[in-house]
Amino acid sequence: MTDSQLRSLMETSPEAGQRALYDEYCGYVYAIAANCLRSCGTPEDVEECVSDAFIGIFKALNQPDRYFEGDLKGVISTIARRTAIDCFRKLSTRLKRNVAIEDIQTEFRCEENIEADSDRTETQRILLECVRNLGSPDSDIIMQHYFYGRSSGQIASSVGMKESAVQKRMQRARKKLRSLLEKAGITGV
């Protein structure tokens, strides 16, 4: 559906227009949110960010004193990025973590590092696969601790275990993970 078709649909039937706009751009907004929140957010946080972004998009497009000419994708992109950055700041503050700017803006990469990026991506894929192979709750504990930076106490409350049990399981899971990674050809961890 073209931008002009979306605009005319929003004028004649705002609800149908919003639905069509959402259907057309949902994947795009989700990709923006997931990219910004991958270092500190859960899938639920990303979905909430997408919802907040569309609320902002619908408000902006429905203001009678503004008429957006040109590309809707630019307006949607700007609102989605600003919403995702706001969510990132809130989540980082809530988790009391400082995250480097490189973790937020990874879209502009130097083409000279394509081989290194490819190797890193493959290593990350193998690592995630090995973590998944640990099984529950070990994989949950490892993910929450290393990928989301949560403490043993926070993990214990989310998985319904005692903090000491979480610490012991994490210790065992690390040994098991090290063995799985060595079998997969990743050493020195």
C-alpha atoms as a PDB file:
ATOM      1  CA  MET A   1       0.000   0.000   0.000  1.00  0.00           C
ATOM      2  CA  THR A   2       1.415   3.399  -0.966  1.00  0.00           C
ATOM      3  CA  ASP A   3       1.704   6.392   1.349  1.00  0.00           C
ATOM      4  CA  SER A   4      -1.036   8.270  -0.481  1.00  0.00           C
ATOM      5  CA  GLN A   5      -3.378   5.270  -0.173  1.00  0.00           C
ATOM      6  CA  LEU A   6      -2.622   5.055   3.558  1.00  0.00           C
ATOM      7  CA  ARG A   7      -3.251   8.779   3.997  1.00  0.00           C
ATOM      8  CA  SER A   8      -6.582   8.669   2.179  1.00  0.00           C
ATOM      9  CA  LEU A   9      -7.649   5.571   4.128  1.00  0.00           C
ATOM     10  CA  MET A  10      -6.771   7.320   7.396  1.00  0.00           C
ATOM     11  CA  GLU A  11      -8.898  10.294   6.360  1.00  0.00           C
ATOM     12  CA  THR A  12     -11.938   8.233   5.389  1.00  0.00           C
ATOM     13  CA  SER A  13     -11.702   5.588   8.113  1.00  0.00           C
ATOM     14  CA  PRO A  14      -9.129   6.357  10.836  1.00  0.00           C
ATOM     15  CA  GLU A  15      -9.423   2.935  12.463  1.00  0.00           C
ATOM     16  CA  ALA A  16      -8.923   1.050   9.191  1.00  0.00           C
ATOM     17  CA  GLY A  17      -6.111   3.428   8.281  1.00  0.00           C
ATOM     18  CA  GLN A  18      -4.332   2.819  11.558  1.00  0.00           C
ATOM     19  CA  ARG A  19      -4.694  -0.946  11.119  1.00  0.00           C
ATOM     20  CA  ALA A  20      -3.290  -0.753   7.573  1.00  0.00           C
ATOM     21  CA  LEU A  21      -0.420   1.466   8.729  1.00  0.00           C
ATOM     22  CA  TYR A  22       0.359  -0.955  11.559  1.00  0.00           C
ATOM     23  CA  ASP A  23       0.265  -3.953   9.223  1.00  0.00           C
ATOM     24  CA  GLU A  24       2.510  -2.193   6.725  1.00  0.00           C
ATOM     25  CA  TYR A  25       5.170  -0.921   9.148  1.00  0.00           C
ATOM     26  CA  CYS A  26       5.031  -3.248  12.170  1.00  0.00           C
ATOM     27  CA  GLY A  27       8.082  -5.273  11.140  1.00  0.00           C
ATOM     28  CA  TYR A  28      10.067  -2.121  10.444  1.00  0.00           C
ATOM     29  CA  VAL A  29       9.259  -0.555  13.828  1.00  0.00           C
ATOM     30  CA  TYR A  30       9.945  -3.878  15.578  1.00  0.00           C
ATOM     31  CA  ALA A  31      13.383  -4.078  13.945  1.00  0.00           C
ATOM     32  CA  ILE A  32      14.245  -0.571  15.133  1.00  0.00           C
ATOM     33  CA  ALA A  33      13.102  -1.317  18.700  1.00  0.00           C
ATOM     34  CA  ALA A  34      14.835  -4.702  18.847  1.00  0.00           C
ATOM     35  CA  ASN A  35      18.079  -3.186  17.583  1.00  0.00           C
ATOM     36  CA  CYS A  36      18.059  -0.457  20.237  1.00  0.00           C
ATOM     37  CA  LEU A  37      16.974  -2.687  23.120  1.00  0.00           C
ATOM     38  CA  ARG A  38      18.920  -5.856  22.418  1.00  0.00           C
ATOM     39  CA  SER A  39      21.566  -5.131  25.051  1.00  0.00           C
ATOM     40  CA  CYS A  40      19.175  -4.421  27.915  1.00  0.00           C
ATOM     41  CA  GLY A  41      15.612  -5.420  27.069  1.00  0.00           C
ATOM     42  CA  THR A  42      13.517  -8.544  26.999  1.00  0.00           C
ATOM     43  CA  PRO A  43      11.190  -9.483  24.132  1.00  0.00           C
ATOM     44  CA  GLU A  44       8.338  -8.076  26.226  1.00  0.00           C
ATOM     45  CA  ASP A  45      10.199  -4.760  26.528  1.00  0.00           C
ATOM     46  CA  VAL A  46      10.618  -4.659  22.747  1.00  0.00           C
ATOM     47  CA  GLU A  47       6.908  -5.339  22.204  1.00  0.00           C
ATOM     48  CA  GLU A  48       5.982  -2.622  24.690  1.00  0.00           C
ATOM     49  CA  CYS A  49       8.324  -0.219  22.910  1.00  0.00           C
ATOM     50  CA  VAL A  50       6.689  -1.053  19.551  1.00  0.00           C
ATOM     51  CA  SER A  51       3.255  -0.353  21.060  1.00  0.00           C
ATOM     52  CA  ASP A  52       4.474   2.967  22.475  1.00  0.00           C
ATOM     53  CA  ALA A  53       5.992   3.878  19.128  1.00  0.00           C
ATOM     54  CA  PHE A  54       2.738   3.256  17.270  1.00  0.00           C
ATOM     55  CA  ILE A  55       0.825   5.314  19.818  1.00  0.00           C
ATOM     56  CA  GLY A  56       3.235   8.172  19.100  1.00  0.00           C
ATOM     57  CA  ILE A  57       2.950   7.625  15.351  1.00  0.00           C
ATOM     58  CA  PHE A  58      -0.852   7.646  15.415  1.00  0.00           C
ATOM     59  CA  LYS A  59      -0.912  10.783  17.601  1.00  0.00           C
ATOM     60  CA  ALA A  60       1.495  12.584  15.296  1.00  0.00           C
ATOM     61  CA  LEU A  61      -0.372  11.635  12.124  1.00  0.00           C
ATOM     62  CA  ASN A  62      -3.777  12.544  13.581  1.00  0.00           C
ATOM     63  CA  GLN A  63      -2.889  16.079  14.640  1.00  0.00           C
ATOM     64  CA  PRO A  64      -5.142  18.434  12.646  1.00  0.00           C
ATOM     65  CA  ASP A  65      -2.599  21.279  12.597  1.00  0.00           C
ATOM     66  CA  ARG A  66       0.099  19.102  10.977  1.00  0.00           C
ATOM     67  CA  TYR A  67       0.007  17.420   7.655  1.00  0.00           C
ATOM     68  CA  PHE A  68       2.966  15.225   6.875  1.00  0.00           C
ATOM     69  CA  GLU A  69       3.900  15.454   3.260  1.00  0.00           C
ATOM     70  CA  GLY A  70       6.413  13.158   1.708  1.00  0.00           C
ATOM     71  CA  ASP A  71       7.569   9.797   2.927  1.00  0.00           C
ATOM     72  CA  LEU A  72       5.658   8.278   5.856  1.00  0.00           C
ATOM     73  CA  LYS A  73       8.562   5.929   6.472  1.00  0.00           C
ATOM     74  CA  GLY A  74      10.732   8.854   7.551  1.00  0.00           C
ATOM     75  CA  VAL A  75       8.166  10.035  10.104  1.00  0.00           C
ATOM     76  CA  ILE A  76       7.636   6.497  11.372  1.00  0.00           C
ATOM     77  CA  SER A  77      11.371   5.856  11.565  1.00  0.00           C
ATOM     78  CA  THR A  78      12.030   9.038  13.534  1.00  0.00           C
ATOM     79  CA  ILE A  79       9.264   8.418  16.061  1.00  0.00           C
ATOM     80  CA  ALA A  80      10.211   4.731  16.433  1.00  0.00           C
ATOM     81  CA  ARG A  81      13.899   5.546  17.017  1.00  0.00           C
ATOM     82  CA  ARG A  82      13.119   8.254  19.570  1.00  0.00           C
ATOM     83  CA  THR A  83      10.709   5.960  21.403  1.00  0.00           C
ATOM     84  CA  ALA A  84      13.257   3.108  21.385  1.00  0.00           C
ATOM     85  CA  ILE A  85      16.006   5.369  22.719  1.00  0.00           C
ATOM     86  CA  ASP A  86      13.702   6.568  25.510  1.00  0.00           C
ATOM     87  CA  CYS A  87      12.877   2.936  26.383  1.00  0.00           C
ATOM     88  CA  PHE A  88      16.592   2.088  26.303  1.00  0.00           C
ATOM     89  CA  ARG A  89      17.364   4.892  28.755  1.00  0.00           C
ATOM     90  CA  LYS A  90      14.569   3.818  31.103  1.00  0.00           C
ATOM     91  CA  LEU A  91      15.643   0.177  31.030  1.00  0.00           C
ATOM     92  CA  SER A  92      19.319   1.026  31.524  1.00  0.00           C
ATOM     93  CA  THR A  93      18.440   3.225  34.483  1.00  0.00           C
ATOM     94  CA  ARG A  94      16.194   0.549  35.964  1.00  0.00           C
ATOM     95  CA  LEU A  95      18.914  -2.085  35.591  1.00  0.00           C
ATOM     96  CA  LYS A  96      21.505   0.430  36.844  1.00  0.00           C
ATOM     97  CA  ARG A  97      23.787  -0.420  33.959  1.00  0.00           C
ATOM     98  CA  ASN A  98      25.897   1.811  31.797  1.00  0.00           C
ATOM     99  CA  VAL A  99      25.998   0.707  28.193  1.00  0.00           C
ATOM    100  CA  ALA A 100      28.421   1.960  25.595  1.00  0.00           C
ATOM    101  CA  ILE A 101      27.078   3.996  22.701  1.00  0.00           C
ATOM    102  CA  GLU A 102      28.368   1.293  20.335  1.00  0.00           C
ATOM    103  CA  ASP A 103      25.731  -1.045  21.733  1.00  0.00           C
ATOM    104  CA  ILE A 104      22.965   1.298  20.584  1.00  0.00           C
ATOM    105  CA  GLN A 105      24.166   2.416  17.193  1.00  0.00           C
ATOM    106  CA  THR A 106      25.502  -0.508  15.210  1.00  0.00           C
ATOM    107  CA  GLU A 107      23.899   0.323  11.886  1.00  0.00           C
ATOM    108  CA  PHE A 108      26.928   2.121  10.463  1.00  0.00           C
ATOM    109  CA  ARG A 109      29.711  -0.416  10.263  1.00  0.00           C
ATOM    110  CA  CYS A 110      32.895  -0.173   8.331  1.00  0.00           C
ATOM    111  CA  GLU A 111      32.932  -2.556   5.393  1.00  0.00           C
ATOM    112  CA  GLU A 112      36.567  -3.449   6.128  1.00  0.00           C
ATOM    113  CA  ASN A 113      35.407  -5.425   9.171  1.00  0.00           C
ATOM    114  CA  ILE A 114      32.946  -7.657   7.338  1.00  0.00           C
ATOM    115  CA  GLU A 115      35.037 -10.801   7.890  1.00  0.00           C
ATOM    116  CA  ALA A 116      35.529 -10.061  11.588  1.00  0.00           C
ATOM    117  CA  ASP A 117      31.818  -9.270  11.956  1.00  0.00           C
ATOM    118  CA  SER A 118      30.934 -12.527  10.225  1.00  0.00           C
ATOM    119  CA  ASP A 119      33.210 -14.515  12.548  1.00  0.00           C
ATOM    120  CA  ARG A 120      31.760 -12.737  15.584  1.00  0.00           C
ATOM    121  CA  THR A 121      28.209 -13.410  14.400  1.00  0.00           C
ATOM    122  CA  GLU A 122      28.948 -17.109  13.899  1.00  0.00           C
ATOM    123  CA  THR A 123      30.563 -17.334  17.338  1.00  0.00           C
ATOM    124  CA  GLN A 124      27.530 -15.640  18.893  1.00  0.00           C
ATOM    125  CA  ARG A 125      25.210 -18.062  17.112  1.00  0.00           C
ATOM    126  CA  ILE A 126      27.180 -21.054  18.423  1.00  0.00           C
ATOM    127  CA  LEU A 127      27.265 -19.559  21.919  1.00  0.00           C
ATOM    128  CA  LEU A 128      23.501 -19.038  21.998  1.00  0.00           C
ATOM    129  CA  GLU A 129      22.917 -22.540  20.683  1.00  0.00           C
ATOM    130  CA  CYS A 130      25.133 -23.992  23.428  1.00  0.00           C
ATOM    131  CA  VAL A 131      23.362 -21.912  26.083  1.00  0.00           C
ATOM    132  CA  ARG A 132      19.995 -23.212  24.842  1.00  0.00           C
ATOM    133  CA  ASN A 133      21.347 -26.767  25.013  1.00  0.00           C
ATOM    134  CA  LEU A 134      21.951 -26.346  28.748  1.00  0.00           C
ATOM    135  CA  GLY A 135      18.226 -26.762  29.301  1.00  0.00           C
ATOM    136  CA  SER A 136      15.965 -25.002  31.729  1.00  0.00           C
ATOM    137  CA  PRO A 137      16.576 -23.456  34.273  1.00  0.00           C
ATOM    138  CA  ASP A 138      20.337 -23.358  33.583  1.00  0.00           C
ATOM    139  CA  SER A 139      19.934 -21.614  30.227  1.00  0.00           C
ATOM    140  CA  ASP A 140      17.546 -19.084  31.823  1.00  0.00           C
ATOM    141  CA  ILE A 141      20.020 -18.385  34.616  1.00  0.00           C
ATOM    142  CA  ILE A 142      22.963 -17.924  32.230  1.00  0.00           C
ATOM    143  CA  MET A 143      20.937 -15.691  29.884  1.00  0.00           C
ATOM    144  CA  GLN A 144      19.658 -13.486  32.681  1.00  0.00           C
ATOM    145  CA  HIS A 145      23.082 -13.141  34.287  1.00  0.00           C
ATOM    146  CA  TYR A 146      25.340 -12.638  31.268  1.00  0.00           C
ATOM    147  CA  PHE A 147      23.022 -11.200  28.632  1.00  0.00           C
ATOM    148  CA  TYR A 148      20.795  -9.032  30.830  1.00  0.00           C
ATOM    149  CA  GLY A 149      23.226  -8.325  33.691  1.00  0.00           C
ATOM    150  CA  ARG A 150      20.885  -9.428  36.451  1.00  0.00           C
ATOM    151  CA  SER A 151      22.119 -10.336  39.922  1.00  0.00           C
ATOM    152  CA  SER A 152      21.688 -13.746  41.548  1.00  0.00           C
ATOM    153  CA  GLY A 153      18.951 -12.314  43.768  1.00  0.00           C
ATOM    154  CA  GLN A 154      17.005 -10.953  40.806  1.00  0.00           C
ATOM    155  CA  ILE A 155      17.373 -14.230  38.945  1.00  0.00           C
ATOM    156  CA  ALA A 156      16.300 -16.216  42.010  1.00  0.00           C
ATOM    157  CA  SER A 157      13.052 -14.299  42.285  1.00  0.00           C
ATOM    158  CA  SER A 158      12.293 -14.688  38.571  1.00  0.00           C
ATOM    159  CA  VAL A 159      12.941 -18.463  38.424  1.00  0.00           C
ATOM    160  CA  GLY A 160      11.529 -19.268  41.864  1.00  0.00           C
ATOM    161  CA  MET A 161      14.714 -20.522  43.501  1.00  0.00           C
ATOM    162  CA  LYS A 162      16.898 -19.499  46.426  1.00  0.00           C
ATOM    163  CA  GLU A 163      19.803 -17.222  45.670  1.00  0.00           C
ATOM    164  CA  SER A 164      22.333 -19.836  46.832  1.00  0.00           C
ATOM    165  CA  ALA A 165      20.739 -22.421  44.507  1.00  0.00           C
ATOM    166  CA  VAL A 166      20.993 -20.001  41.595  1.00  0.00           C
ATOM    167  CA  GLN A 167      24.678 -19.399  42.342  1.00  0.00           C
ATOM    168  CA  LYS A 168      25.411 -23.127  42.498  1.00  0.00           C
ATOM    169  CA  ARG A 169      23.456 -23.829  39.288  1.00  0.00           C
ATOM    170  CA  MET A 170      25.298 -20.968  37.568  1.00  0.00           C
ATOM    171  CA  GLN A 171      28.637 -22.451  38.609  1.00  0.00           C
ATOM    172  CA  ARG A 172      27.672 -25.882  37.239  1.00  0.00           C
ATOM    173  CA  ALA A 173      26.139 -24.380  34.104  1.00  0.00           C
ATOM    174  CA  ARG A 174      29.369 -22.486  33.335  1.00  0.00           C
ATOM    175  CA  LYS A 175      31.366 -25.727  33.481  1.00  0.00           C
ATOM    176  CA  LYS A 176      28.828 -27.482  31.288  1.00  0.00           C
ATOM    177  CA  LEU A 177      28.771 -24.534  28.864  1.00  0.00           C
ATOM    178  CA  ARG A 178      32.571 -24.478  28.661  1.00  0.00           C
ATOM    179  CA  SER A 179      32.512 -28.177  27.710  1.00  0.00           C
ATOM    180  CA  LEU A 180      29.804 -27.604  25.060  1.00  0.00           C
ATOM    181  CA  LEU A 181      31.757 -24.686  23.579  1.00  0.00           C
ATOM    182  CA  GLU A 182      34.955 -26.726  23.394  1.00  0.00           C
ATOM    183  CA  LYS A 183      33.069 -29.475  21.572  1.00  0.00           C
ATOM    184  CA  ALA A 184      31.787 -26.816  19.145  1.00  0.00           C
ATOM    185  CA  GLY A 185      35.354 -25.651  18.490  1.00  0.00           C
ATOM    186  CA  ILE A 186      35.370 -22.501  20.612  1.00  0.00           C
ATOM    187  CA  THR A 187      38.261 -22.517  23.071  1.00  0.00           C
ATOM    188  CA  GLY A 188      39.802 -20.057  25.492  1.00  0.00           C
ATOM    189  CA  VAL A 189      36.580 -19.225  27.331  1.00  0.00           C
END
